[in-house]
Amino acid sequence: FLSAILLLAALCVITVRNPVHSALFLVLAFFTSAG
């Protein structure tokens, strides 16, 4: 479950057009990595 969220968040980091949204997805990736 955490790995799927991490992969989805990492994919969104590089595909989202807005840099602020990309940074927020990176925060989500960090939280799931901590999990």
PDB file of all heavy atoms in Angstrom:
ATOM      1  N   PHE A   1       0.835  -1.200   0.000  1.00  0.00           N
ATOM      2  CA  PHE A   1       0.000   0.000   0.000  1.00  0.00           C
ATOM      3  C   PHE A   1       0.873   1.254   0.000  1.00  0.00           C
ATOM      4  O   PHE A   1       0.692   2.167  -0.824  1.00  0.00           O
ATOM      5  CB  PHE A   1      -0.927  -0.028   1.217  1.00  0.00           C
ATOM      6  CG  PHE A   1      -1.757   1.205   1.384  1.00  0.00           C
ATOM      7  CD1 PHE A   1      -2.782   1.494   0.500  1.00  0.00           C
ATOM      8  CD2 PHE A   1      -1.501   2.090   2.420  1.00  0.00           C
ATOM      9  CE1 PHE A   1      -3.547   2.647   0.648  1.00  0.00           C
ATOM     10  CE2 PHE A   1      -2.259   3.235   2.573  1.00  0.00           C
ATOM     11  CZ  PHE A   1      -3.281   3.513   1.685  1.00  0.00           C
ATOM     12  N   LEU A   2       1.863   1.299   0.900  1.00  0.00           N
ATOM     13  CA  LEU A   2       2.760   2.456   0.960  1.00  0.00           C
ATOM     14  C   LEU A   2       3.622   2.552  -0.289  1.00  0.00           C
ATOM     15  O   LEU A   2       3.900   3.652  -0.779  1.00  0.00           O
ATOM     16  CB  LEU A   2       3.636   2.377   2.210  1.00  0.00           C
ATOM     17  CG  LEU A   2       2.929   2.607   3.544  1.00  0.00           C
ATOM     18  CD1 LEU A   2       3.883   2.382   4.693  1.00  0.00           C
ATOM     19  CD2 LEU A   2       2.335   3.993   3.615  1.00  0.00           C
ATOM     20  N   SER A   3       4.034   1.411  -0.820  1.00  0.00           N
ATOM     21  CA  SER A   3       4.856   1.434  -2.034  1.00  0.00           C
ATOM     22  C   SER A   3       4.072   1.967  -3.223  1.00  0.00           C
ATOM     23  O   SER A   3       4.611   2.709  -4.050  1.00  0.00           O
ATOM     24  CB  SER A   3       5.373   0.027  -2.345  1.00  0.00           C
ATOM     25  OG  SER A   3       6.174  -0.443  -1.302  1.00  0.00           O
ATOM     26  N   ALA A   4       2.790   1.584  -3.315  1.00  0.00           N
ATOM     27  CA  ALA A   4       1.960   2.090  -4.417  1.00  0.00           C
ATOM     28  C   ALA A   4       1.784   3.606  -4.306  1.00  0.00           C
ATOM     29  O   ALA A   4       1.884   4.325  -5.315  1.00  0.00           O
ATOM     30  CB  ALA A   4       0.610   1.386  -4.402  1.00  0.00           C
ATOM     31  N   ILE A   5       1.554   4.102  -3.087  1.00  0.00           N
ATOM     32  CA  ILE A   5       1.428   5.557  -2.898  1.00  0.00           C
ATOM     33  C   ILE A   5       2.747   6.245  -3.234  1.00  0.00           C
ATOM     34  O   ILE A   5       2.766   7.304  -3.873  1.00  0.00           O
ATOM     35  CB  ILE A   5       0.982   5.876  -1.462  1.00  0.00           C
ATOM     36  CG1 ILE A   5      -0.429   5.360  -1.219  1.00  0.00           C
ATOM     37  CG2 ILE A   5       1.033   7.370  -1.197  1.00  0.00           C
ATOM     38  CD1 ILE A   5      -0.911   5.543   0.193  1.00  0.00           C
ATOM     39  N   LEU A   6       3.859   5.646  -2.819  1.00  0.00           N
ATOM     40  CA  LEU A   6       5.166   6.236  -3.085  1.00  0.00           C
ATOM     41  C   LEU A   6       5.437   6.308  -4.585  1.00  0.00           C
ATOM     42  O   LEU A   6       5.901   7.335  -5.094  1.00  0.00           O
ATOM     43  CB  LEU A   6       6.254   5.423  -2.381  1.00  0.00           C
ATOM     44  CG  LEU A   6       7.700   5.870  -2.593  1.00  0.00           C
ATOM     45  CD1 LEU A   6       7.893   7.291  -2.124  1.00  0.00           C
ATOM     46  CD2 LEU A   6       8.646   4.946  -1.883  1.00  0.00           C
ATOM     47  N   LEU A   7       5.147   5.234  -5.314  1.00  0.00           N
ATOM     48  CA  LEU A   7       5.372   5.248  -6.759  1.00  0.00           C
ATOM     49  C   LEU A   7       4.461   6.250  -7.461  1.00  0.00           C
ATOM     50  O   LEU A   7       4.889   6.964  -8.373  1.00  0.00           O
ATOM     51  CB  LEU A   7       5.160   3.849  -7.332  1.00  0.00           C
ATOM     52  CG  LEU A   7       6.235   2.814  -6.974  1.00  0.00           C
ATOM     53  CD1 LEU A   7       5.842   1.451  -7.494  1.00  0.00           C
ATOM     54  CD2 LEU A   7       7.577   3.234  -7.543  1.00  0.00           C
ATOM     55  N   LEU A   8       3.213   6.323  -7.027  1.00  0.00           N
ATOM     56  CA  LEU A   8       2.279   7.273  -7.623  1.00  0.00           C
ATOM     57  C   LEU A   8       2.719   8.717  -7.340  1.00  0.00           C
ATOM     58  O   LEU A   8       2.686   9.579  -8.231  1.00  0.00           O
ATOM     59  CB  LEU A   8       0.874   7.024  -7.089  1.00  0.00           C
ATOM     60  CG  LEU A   8      -0.232   7.895  -7.677  1.00  0.00           C
ATOM     61  CD1 LEU A   8      -0.416   7.562  -9.146  1.00  0.00           C
ATOM     62  CD2 LEU A   8      -1.522   7.696  -6.921  1.00  0.00           C
ATOM     63  N   ALA A   9       3.148   8.982  -6.105  1.00  0.00           N
ATOM     64  CA  ALA A   9       3.615  10.330  -5.759  1.00  0.00           C
ATOM     65  C   ALA A   9       4.880  10.688  -6.529  1.00  0.00           C
ATOM     66  O   ALA A   9       5.027  11.821  -7.002  1.00  0.00           O
ATOM     67  CB  ALA A   9       3.858  10.428  -4.252  1.00  0.00           C
ATOM     68  N   ALA A  10       5.804   9.732  -6.671  1.00  0.00           N
ATOM     69  CA  ALA A  10       7.034  10.000  -7.423  1.00  0.00           C
ATOM     70  C   ALA A  10       6.733  10.249  -8.893  1.00  0.00           C
ATOM     71  O   ALA A  10       7.359  11.106  -9.526  1.00  0.00           O
ATOM     72  CB  ALA A  10       7.998   8.826  -7.269  1.00  0.00           C
ATOM     73  N   LEU A  11       5.759   9.533  -9.446  1.00  0.00           N
ATOM     74  CA  LEU A  11       5.357   9.762 -10.834  1.00  0.00           C
ATOM     75  C   LEU A  11       4.728  11.146 -10.997  1.00  0.00           C
ATOM     76  O   LEU A  11       4.998  11.855 -11.975  1.00  0.00           O
ATOM     77  CB  LEU A  11       4.385   8.670 -11.277  1.00  0.00           C
ATOM     78  CG  LEU A  11       3.973   8.682 -12.741  1.00  0.00           C
ATOM     79  CD1 LEU A  11       5.172   8.364 -13.616  1.00  0.00           C
ATOM     80  CD2 LEU A  11       2.865   7.680 -12.981  1.00  0.00           C
ATOM     81  N   CYS A  12       3.929  11.543 -10.020  1.00  0.00           N
ATOM     82  CA  CYS A  12       3.309  12.871 -10.079  1.00  0.00           C
ATOM     83  C   CYS A  12       4.334  13.986  -9.913  1.00  0.00           C
ATOM     84  O   CYS A  12       4.140  15.088 -10.448  1.00  0.00           O
ATOM     85  CB  CYS A  12       2.229  12.990  -9.016  1.00  0.00           C
ATOM     86  SG  CYS A  12       0.774  12.008  -9.377  1.00  0.00           S
ATOM     87  N   VAL A  13       5.425  13.737  -9.185  1.00  0.00           N
ATOM     88  CA  VAL A  13       6.459  14.762  -9.004  1.00  0.00           C
ATOM     89  C   VAL A  13       7.037  15.179 -10.352  1.00  0.00           C
ATOM     90  O   VAL A  13       7.289  16.359 -10.598  1.00  0.00           O
ATOM     91  CB  VAL A  13       7.577  14.254  -8.065  1.00  0.00           C
ATOM     92  CG1 VAL A  13       8.798  15.147  -8.119  1.00  0.00           C
ATOM     93  CG2 VAL A  13       7.073  14.180  -6.642  1.00  0.00           C
ATOM     94  N   ILE A  14       7.223  14.227 -11.239  1.00  0.00           N
ATOM     95  CA  ILE A  14       7.876  14.557 -12.521  1.00  0.00           C
ATOM     96  C   ILE A  14       6.890  14.832 -13.644  1.00  0.00           C
ATOM     97  O   ILE A  14       7.293  15.288 -14.702  1.00  0.00           O
ATOM     98  CB  ILE A  14       8.847  13.440 -12.944  1.00  0.00           C
ATOM     99  CG1 ILE A  14       8.109  12.117 -13.101  1.00  0.00           C
ATOM    100  CG2 ILE A  14       9.980  13.311 -11.965  1.00  0.00           C
ATOM    101  CD1 ILE A  14       8.955  11.014 -13.669  1.00  0.00           C
ATOM    102  N   THR A  15       5.604  14.563 -13.440  1.00  0.00           N
ATOM    103  CA  THR A  15       4.646  14.779 -14.523  1.00  0.00           C
ATOM    104  C   THR A  15       3.715  15.970 -14.301  1.00  0.00           C
ATOM    105  O   THR A  15       3.148  16.480 -15.263  1.00  0.00           O
ATOM    106  CB  THR A  15       3.780  13.524 -14.739  1.00  0.00           C
ATOM    107  OG1 THR A  15       3.126  13.181 -13.517  1.00  0.00           O
ATOM    108  CG2 THR A  15       4.625  12.369 -15.225  1.00  0.00           C
ATOM    109  N   VAL A  16       3.544  16.421 -13.071  1.00  0.00           N
ATOM    110  CA  VAL A  16       2.639  17.541 -12.798  1.00  0.00           C
ATOM    111  C   VAL A  16       3.240  18.819 -13.363  1.00  0.00           C
ATOM    112  O   VAL A  16       4.440  19.054 -13.272  1.00  0.00           O
ATOM    113  CB  VAL A  16       2.397  17.656 -11.275  1.00  0.00           C
ATOM    114  CG1 VAL A  16       1.638  18.906 -10.938  1.00  0.00           C
ATOM    115  CG2 VAL A  16       1.640  16.459 -10.784  1.00  0.00           C
ATOM    116  N   ARG A  17       2.394  19.664 -13.930  1.00  0.00           N
ATOM    117  CA  ARG A  17       2.879  20.888 -14.575  1.00  0.00           C
ATOM    118  C   ARG A  17       3.214  21.994 -13.582  1.00  0.00           C
ATOM    119  O   ARG A  17       4.149  22.750 -13.794  1.00  0.00           O
ATOM    120  CB  ARG A  17       1.835  21.403 -15.558  1.00  0.00           C
ATOM    121  CG  ARG A  17       1.623  20.496 -16.724  1.00  0.00           C
ATOM    122  CD  ARG A  17       0.516  21.010 -17.612  1.00  0.00           C
ATOM    123  NE  ARG A  17       0.264  20.088 -18.696  1.00  0.00           N
ATOM    124  CZ  ARG A  17       0.608  20.306 -19.941  1.00  0.00           C
ATOM    125  NH1 ARG A  17       1.239  21.407 -20.247  1.00  0.00           N
ATOM    126  NH2 ARG A  17       0.346  19.429 -20.872  1.00  0.00           N
ATOM    127  N   ASN A  18       2.467  22.081 -12.510  1.00  0.00           N
ATOM    128  CA  ASN A  18       2.673  23.151 -11.534  1.00  0.00           C
ATOM    129  C   ASN A  18       3.797  22.762 -10.568  1.00  0.00           C
ATOM    130  O   ASN A  18       3.745  21.702  -9.941  1.00  0.00           O
ATOM    131  CB  ASN A  18       1.367  23.383 -10.763  1.00  0.00           C
ATOM    132  CG  ASN A  18       1.411  24.636  -9.931  1.00  0.00           C
ATOM    133  OD1 ASN A  18       2.474  25.139  -9.606  1.00  0.00           O
ATOM    134  ND2 ASN A  18       0.247  25.148  -9.591  1.00  0.00           N
ATOM    135  N   PRO A  19       4.842  23.603 -10.416  1.00  0.00           N
ATOM    136  CA  PRO A  19       5.949  23.248  -9.520  1.00  0.00           C
ATOM    137  C   PRO A  19       5.542  23.152  -8.048  1.00  0.00           C
ATOM    138  O   PRO A  19       6.126  22.371  -7.294  1.00  0.00           O
ATOM    139  CB  PRO A  19       6.979  24.359  -9.724  1.00  0.00           C
ATOM    140  CG  PRO A  19       6.477  25.241 -10.774  1.00  0.00           C
ATOM    141  CD  PRO A  19       5.104  24.827 -11.147  1.00  0.00           C
ATOM    142  N   VAL A  20       4.558  23.921  -7.627  1.00  0.00           N
ATOM    143  CA  VAL A  20       4.106  23.852  -6.234  1.00  0.00           C
ATOM    144  C   VAL A  20       3.437  22.503  -5.977  1.00  0.00           C
ATOM    145  O   VAL A  20       3.695  21.847  -4.959  1.00  0.00           O
ATOM    146  CB  VAL A  20       3.158  25.018  -5.904  1.00  0.00           C
ATOM    147  CG1 VAL A  20       2.609  24.886  -4.501  1.00  0.00           C
ATOM    148  CG2 VAL A  20       3.869  26.339  -6.070  1.00  0.00           C
ATOM    149  N   HIS A  21       2.600  22.055  -6.915  1.00  0.00           N
ATOM    150  CA  HIS A  21       1.980  20.736  -6.763  1.00  0.00           C
ATOM    151  C   HIS A  21       3.028  19.631  -6.791  1.00  0.00           C
ATOM    152  O   HIS A  21       2.928  18.634  -6.066  1.00  0.00           O
ATOM    153  CB  HIS A  21       0.949  20.514  -7.870  1.00  0.00           C
ATOM    154  CG  HIS A  21      -0.208  21.442  -7.789  1.00  0.00           C
ATOM    155  ND1 HIS A  21      -1.072  21.654  -8.832  1.00  0.00           N
ATOM    156  CD2 HIS A  21      -0.646  22.256  -6.788  1.00  0.00           C
ATOM    157  CE1 HIS A  21      -1.995  22.525  -8.486  1.00  0.00           C
ATOM    158  NE2 HIS A  21      -1.742  22.912  -7.242  1.00  0.00           N
ATOM    159  N   SER A  22       4.043  19.802  -7.637  1.00  0.00           N
ATOM    160  CA  SER A  22       5.130  18.826  -7.699  1.00  0.00           C
ATOM    161  C   SER A  22       5.858  18.730  -6.358  1.00  0.00           C
ATOM    162  O   SER A  22       6.175  17.634  -5.884  1.00  0.00           O
ATOM    163  CB  SER A  22       6.102  19.219  -8.806  1.00  0.00           C
ATOM    164  OG  SER A  22       7.184  18.347  -8.857  1.00  0.00           O
ATOM    165  N   ALA A  23       6.112  19.867  -5.727  1.00  0.00           N
ATOM    166  CA  ALA A  23       6.777  19.862  -4.419  1.00  0.00           C
ATOM    167  C   ALA A  23       5.894  19.219  -3.354  1.00  0.00           C
ATOM    168  O   ALA A  23       6.381  18.502  -2.478  1.00  0.00           O
ATOM    169  CB  ALA A  23       7.147  21.286  -4.018  1.00  0.00           C
ATOM    170  N   LEU A  24       4.582  19.445  -3.422  1.00  0.00           N
ATOM    171  CA  LEU A  24       3.685  18.818  -2.452  1.00  0.00           C
ATOM    172  C   LEU A  24       3.619  17.302  -2.649  1.00  0.00           C
ATOM    173  O   LEU A  24       3.535  16.539  -1.678  1.00  0.00           O
ATOM    174  CB  LEU A  24       2.298  19.440  -2.553  1.00  0.00           C
ATOM    175  CG  LEU A  24       2.215  20.893  -2.074  1.00  0.00           C
ATOM    176  CD1 LEU A  24       0.836  21.468  -2.337  1.00  0.00           C
ATOM    177  CD2 LEU A  24       2.567  21.006  -0.607  1.00  0.00           C
ATOM    178  N   PHE A  25       3.669  16.839  -3.895  1.00  0.00           N
ATOM    179  CA  PHE A  25       3.743  15.396  -4.134  1.00  0.00           C
ATOM    180  C   PHE A  25       5.059  14.821  -3.626  1.00  0.00           C
ATOM    181  O   PHE A  25       5.117  13.681  -3.160  1.00  0.00           O
ATOM    182  CB  PHE A  25       3.559  15.081  -5.620  1.00  0.00           C
ATOM    183  CG  PHE A  25       2.127  15.014  -6.041  1.00  0.00           C
ATOM    184  CD1 PHE A  25       1.607  15.921  -6.940  1.00  0.00           C
ATOM    185  CD2 PHE A  25       1.285  14.028  -5.540  1.00  0.00           C
ATOM    186  CE1 PHE A  25       0.290  15.866  -7.332  1.00  0.00           C
ATOM    187  CE2 PHE A  25      -0.036  13.961  -5.921  1.00  0.00           C
ATOM    188  CZ  PHE A  25      -0.540  14.874  -6.812  1.00  0.00           C
ATOM    189  N   LEU A  26       6.128  15.607  -3.683  1.00  0.00           N
ATOM    190  CA  LEU A  26       7.399  15.157  -3.124  1.00  0.00           C
ATOM    191  C   LEU A  26       7.315  15.021  -1.603  1.00  0.00           C
ATOM    192  O   LEU A  26       7.903  14.105  -1.016  1.00  0.00           O
ATOM    193  CB  LEU A  26       8.513  16.118  -3.531  1.00  0.00           C
ATOM    194  CG  LEU A  26       9.939  15.666  -3.269  1.00  0.00           C
ATOM    195  CD1 LEU A  26      10.239  14.354  -3.955  1.00  0.00           C
ATOM    196  CD2 LEU A  26      10.914  16.720  -3.740  1.00  0.00           C
ATOM    197  N   VAL A  27       6.577  15.919  -0.962  1.00  0.00           N
ATOM    198  CA  VAL A  27       6.338  15.796   0.480  1.00  0.00           C
ATOM    199  C   VAL A  27       5.591  14.492   0.779  1.00  0.00           C
ATOM    200  O   VAL A  27       5.921  13.767   1.716  1.00  0.00           O
ATOM    201  CB  VAL A  27       5.555  17.022   1.001  1.00  0.00           C
ATOM    202  CG1 VAL A  27       5.053  16.794   2.406  1.00  0.00           C
ATOM    203  CG2 VAL A  27       6.418  18.265   0.940  1.00  0.00           C
ATOM    204  N   LEU A  28       4.586  14.173  -0.035  1.00  0.00           N
ATOM    205  CA  LEU A  28       3.863  12.908   0.139  1.00  0.00           C
ATOM    206  C   LEU A  28       4.788  11.718  -0.052  1.00  0.00           C
ATOM    207  O   LEU A  28       4.721  10.732   0.707  1.00  0.00           O
ATOM    208  CB  LEU A  28       2.691  12.842  -0.847  1.00  0.00           C
ATOM    209  CG  LEU A  28       1.872  11.553  -0.838  1.00  0.00           C
ATOM    210  CD1 LEU A  28       1.199  11.347   0.511  1.00  0.00           C
ATOM    211  CD2 LEU A  28       0.862  11.557  -1.962  1.00  0.00           C
ATOM    212  N   ALA A  29       5.685  11.806  -1.021  1.00  0.00           N
ATOM    213  CA  ALA A  29       6.647  10.717  -1.236  1.00  0.00           C
ATOM    214  C   ALA A  29       7.565  10.547  -0.031  1.00  0.00           C
ATOM    215  O   ALA A  29       7.886   9.427   0.370  1.00  0.00           O
ATOM    216  CB  ALA A  29       7.460  10.987  -2.502  1.00  0.00           C
ATOM    217  N   PHE A  30       7.990  11.668   0.577  1.00  0.00           N
ATOM    218  CA  PHE A  30       8.839  11.575   1.763  1.00  0.00           C
ATOM    219  C   PHE A  30       8.095  10.937   2.933  1.00  0.00           C
ATOM    220  O   PHE A  30       8.663  10.130   3.674  1.00  0.00           O
ATOM    221  CB  PHE A  30       9.358  12.958   2.160  1.00  0.00           C
ATOM    222  CG  PHE A  30      10.441  13.476   1.272  1.00  0.00           C
ATOM    223  CD1 PHE A  30      10.571  14.838   1.053  1.00  0.00           C
ATOM    224  CD2 PHE A  30      11.332  12.628   0.654  1.00  0.00           C
ATOM    225  CE1 PHE A  30      11.567  15.330   0.238  1.00  0.00           C
ATOM    226  CE2 PHE A  30      12.334  13.109  -0.169  1.00  0.00           C
ATOM    227  CZ  PHE A  30      12.450  14.464  -0.374  1.00  0.00           C
ATOM    228  N   PHE A  31       6.834  11.304   3.111  1.00  0.00           N
ATOM    229  CA  PHE A  31       6.056  10.721   4.209  1.00  0.00           C
ATOM    230  C   PHE A  31       5.872   9.218   4.024  1.00  0.00           C
ATOM    231  O   PHE A  31       5.999   8.445   4.970  1.00  0.00           O
ATOM    232  CB  PHE A  31       4.695  11.410   4.326  1.00  0.00           C
ATOM    233  CG  PHE A  31       4.692  12.566   5.264  1.00  0.00           C
ATOM    234  CD1 PHE A  31       4.484  13.853   4.796  1.00  0.00           C
ATOM    235  CD2 PHE A  31       4.904  12.388   6.623  1.00  0.00           C
ATOM    236  CE1 PHE A  31       4.484  14.939   5.650  1.00  0.00           C
ATOM    237  CE2 PHE A  31       4.903  13.463   7.494  1.00  0.00           C
ATOM    238  CZ  PHE A  31       4.696  14.737   7.000  1.00  0.00           C
ATOM    239  N   THR A  32       5.569   8.790   2.807  1.00  0.00           N
ATOM    240  CA  THR A  32       5.393   7.345   2.592  1.00  0.00           C
ATOM    241  C   THR A  32       6.726   6.606   2.698  1.00  0.00           C
ATOM    242  O   THR A  32       6.762   5.459   3.147  1.00  0.00           O
ATOM    243  CB  THR A  32       4.739   7.078   1.226  1.00  0.00           C
ATOM    244  OG1 THR A  32       5.475   7.760   0.212  1.00  0.00           O
ATOM    245  CG2 THR A  32       3.310   7.546   1.210  1.00  0.00           C
ATOM    246  N   SER A  33       7.823   7.257   2.315  1.00  0.00           N
ATOM    247  CA  SER A  33       9.143   6.640   2.522  1.00  0.00           C
ATOM    248  C   SER A  33       9.429   6.469   4.011  1.00  0.00           C
ATOM    249  O   SER A  33       9.995   5.458   4.435  1.00  0.00           O
ATOM    250  CB  SER A  33      10.245   7.495   1.890  1.00  0.00           C
ATOM    251  OG  SER A  33      10.071   7.580   0.514  1.00  0.00           O
ATOM    252  N   ALA A  34       9.019   7.457   4.796  1.00  0.00           N
ATOM    253  CA  ALA A  34       9.183   7.331   6.249  1.00  0.00           C
ATOM    254  C   ALA A  34       8.348   6.176   6.789  1.00  0.00           C
ATOM    255  O   ALA A  34       8.773   5.458   7.700  1.00  0.00           O
ATOM    256  CB  ALA A  34       8.791   8.633   6.935  1.00  0.00           C
ATOM    257  N   GLY A  35       7.144   5.984   6.227  1.00  0.00           N
ATOM    258  CA  GLY A  35       6.335   4.827   6.629  1.00  0.00           C
ATOM    259  C   GLY A  35       7.014   3.511   6.296  1.00  0.00           C
ATOM    260  O   GLY A  35       6.967   2.558   7.082  1.00  0.00           O
TER     261      GLY A  35
END
